[in-house]
Amino acid sequence: MEISLLKALVKNIASFLQLSFQDNKYSGIVNKYYIKIEEVLKIIKPVLESIVDAEVASSELLQKEFAGLSLSVDELKEVLEDSHPLMSKVYFVLKVGSLFAKVQTHGLELLELLQSCEELPVELSSPSLEHCVQKIKHMGYENPSAIVSKVIRDQVEGTEPSSDIRSNIADLLSLKSNQELLIELVALEQLKENAEQAEKTEDVEYIDEMIALITYMHDCYVEMIQSQSGTHISVPSDFCCPLSLELMTDPVIVASGQTYERVYIRNWINSGLMVCPKTMQTLVHTNLIPNYTVKALIANWCESNNVKLPDPVKSPNLNQLGSPKYMEHHAPSSSEDSMAEISENVHKLDISNGSLDESRERNLDTGGPSTVSPPVKESSGSGDATGEVVSKPIAAESAVPQREQHEYSPRFRNRSRNQIWRRPIERTVTETRPDLSEIETQVKKFVQDLSSESIDIVKNATLQLRLLARHDKDIRNVIANCGAIPLLISMLYSPDEKIQENSVTALLNLSINDINKTAIGNANAIEPLIHVLETGSSEAKENSAATLFSLSVIEENKIKIGRSGAIGPLVDLLGNGTPRGKKDAATALFNLSTLHENKIRIVEKGAVKYLVELMDPATGLVDKAVAVLSNLATIPEGRAGIGQENGIPILVEVVELGSARGKENAAAALLQLCTNSSRYCNMVLHEGAVPPLVALSQSGTPRAKEKAQSLISYFRNQRHGNGGRR
C-alpha cells in the first residue's frame, strides 16, 4: 500500500509536468508559476522514481510527506487548469503561492528524511541529495504572492502602498491598464459573491481586502492618467469614457444607465463581462443606446475650448487598452510618509470602521434613521435615451465584514464563462449625479442649517452631510471646502443623541480623504471626539473610535491623540463596549501603540487586562488583541502587565492554535518577554512552548519563523549556561 502511494505521487507529478500554458493568451502569470513549480518537481521526481522499489519507501514519516506532496500537486494542477483570461490575478497568485510553498516544504522535508535513511539506491548518495536540497532552497525568483500579501497586510494596518510598490504589483500581475484593473475588480466581486453564497465569511473578509487594494490602485491610476492629460484644459470627467479614460466620440448608454465609448463597452461585453464596469451591476441586456445629449455637449465643449474632437476609435484589444505606464509619476498622498512607520507586528488588523478605501466604505448608518434622504445624484454623464440625467433614491450600503486570518477555501469551478461574471444587484442601486456645482449648492444650504436654532433643522443637516460624505471623494472635498468641518466638530457637544451620532459619522466619512485628516486634526477635533467617546451612544462611541484611528494615520495626529487623553476612553471602550466598539478600540489602540510614548499610556490605563481577556477565541478579536500586546511587549511596563494578567499561557496557546498572523505576533511578544526576563522565560518553557515553536519555525510566515527560531536559539543558549536578564 505504501509503495502504491509513492507510485501515485510519481504519476501525479508526471501528469502535472505534461501541462503547458505557453500558448494560452493568459499565459503570463500562469506560465510563470508553472515554470517555478516545474523546476522543483523535476528535481524531486527522479529521486522518487529511484526509491519506488526500495524498502525505505515504507517509512511512516516518508509516507506522510508523500501524501502531503501528492495533495499539494493535485490542488496546484486543478487551480492551474481552472485558470482563464478573466480570473482574478490577485486571488490566483495568493492561492498558488500558498500551494507552491507547501510543495517546497514537503519536497525539502522528503529529501532531508531520505538523507538520514540507510540502504538507499547508489545514485542517491548523501551529497547528491544535499545538492537537490540546496537547489530547491536557493531557487531565485520574484514571489508575487509574498509581495501582494505584504501589501494587503500593510494596507489593512493603514499603510497605503507607495507608487513604486503599486508599479511593481502592476508589472508582476499585468494590471497596467484601466481595463485590466476593472476586470480584476469584477473578478474579485464575483469571488466574493460566491463566498457569500457559500457562507464562507472568512473568505469574504479577505477578498474584501483584495478589493480594497485593487480599488486603491485603480483610483491612483485614474488620477495619474488625468494628471498626464497633456493639456492645460481640464476635460470634464463626465465627457471621458470610464473604460478608456479618453474623451468620448460615440457615447452610448448601457443597461445600468452609465455612458461609455461605444467600441470600448462593446468589446468589454463581447469578452463575456456582463457587468457595468462603473457600478458592477449585472447588465440585463446588451443594447447600446446612443447618448446624443452627451455627444452634443462634448462637441460644444470642444468648440468652446478650441479642442479638436478625437477621431473615432477603432476596435481595441481589451487587455491592451490604456496607458502602458503605471503609477511611477503619481505623487504620494500626504499620509504616505507618516504611514510608513506603522508597525509590522500585525498583519490583519481590521480597519472596517473608518476604512481608508473610499469605494468600499462601510455603512456607517446602522441603527440610524429609517427614513431615506432626498435623492443624491452621481455625476456620470449618463441617463436615458435622450441623455436626460436620472435621479433615483440611494440604496443602503452593506457593512464591510469584519476580518480574521483564514486559509483560502472557496472553489469557483464548473460554470460557463458568461455566467461567471453575473452579479444580481437591486435596481435601486442605479444612481446618477449632476455637476458638482449642484452638490455644492446643497452642501452650502446644509452647512448654513447647522447654525439654525431649530433642533430638527440641525438634525436633518447633519444627517444629509453624513449621507453625502459616504459616497464620493469629490463630494467629501466639497463638504470640507464649504466649511462644514468646524461646525460638525462643534455638534459633537450637542445634547441631542442623533445630532451627535450624525456629526461624528460625517467626520469619519470625511476623514477618509487624506487632506481632510489633517484639516480635522487641525480644527481641534480630538477633544470633542473624546467627549463623544465618554458620553455618546454605542454607535457614536464606535464611530468616534474609528475616526480617531483614521486621524492617527497622520503622525502628528497620532501624537496629539495620545497627549489629549483619548487613550483612557479608548481602553474603557475596549473593555466595556459593544463587540464592534471593542474592535474599533483595538484598531485605534494598535495604531497609537506604534508610537513609543503612547505605549506607556496604554499600559497605565489598564489595557493589558482587557487585551488578555480578548484573546479568548469566542470574542473573535484574538488577532487584534495579540497585535497590540506584541507592540506593548517592547516596553518593560507592557511585559510586566502581560505577566501580571497571566497573559503568557494564552500567548503560548495562540502560538499553538492561533491563526498565522496570531501565531506570528504571539511569538514576537514571547520573544520580548523571554529575552528580557529569565522568570518569564521559565514560565514560557513551563507552559510547553517549545513544540509549537518548533512547528512554527518550520511552517509559519517568514516573520513567525524568524521569531520562533530566535526563541528556540535563546532557550538553547540558556540551557548552556547563559544568564538572562530579570
Foldseek 3Di string as FASTA:
>chain_A
DLLVLLVLLLVLLVVLLPDDQPPPPQCQLLVVLSVLLNVLSVLQNVQSVQCSPPPVSVDPVLSVLSVQLSVLSVVLSVLSVQDDDLAQLLVSLQQSVVSSVSNLLSSLVNLVVVLPDPPGPPVSHNVSSVVSNVCSVPDDDDRLNVLSLQQLLLVQLPAHDDLVSLQVNCVSRVCQFLLSLLSNLLNLVLVLVVCVVVVVQQQNQVSVSVNLNSLVQNVLQLVVCQVPVVDPDRDPQLQAASRQRDGEQWWWAFQLQFIHRVLLVVLCVVVLQQADSVLLAGGPDGDTFTAVVSNVVSVVVCVVVVHDDDDRDDRDDSSPHHDNHGNPPRDDAPLNVLSVLQDPLFRNQHLQQLRLRQAQRFQLQVVHDPDFDPWAAAARQGHDNHSDFDTATADGGHGNRTHDFDDDDDDDDDDDSNPSSHDHDDSRNRGHHDPCVVVLVVLLVLLVQLPDPDPVSVLSSLQVLLVQLRHDLVSLVSNVVSPNLLSLLVQLPPPDQSSNSSSLSSLSSSLSRVVSLVVNLVSVSLVSLLVCLVDHDLSSVLSSLSSLQSSVSHVVSLVVNLVVPNLLSLLVQLQDGDLSSVSSSLSNLSSSLSDPVSLVVNLVSPNLLSLLVCCPVVSVCNSSSLSNLLSSLQDPSSLVSCVVNVSLLSLLVCLQDNHLSSVLSSLSSLLSNVQADVVSLVVNVVSVNLVSLVVCLSDGDPSSVVSSVVSVVVVVVVVVPDDGHD
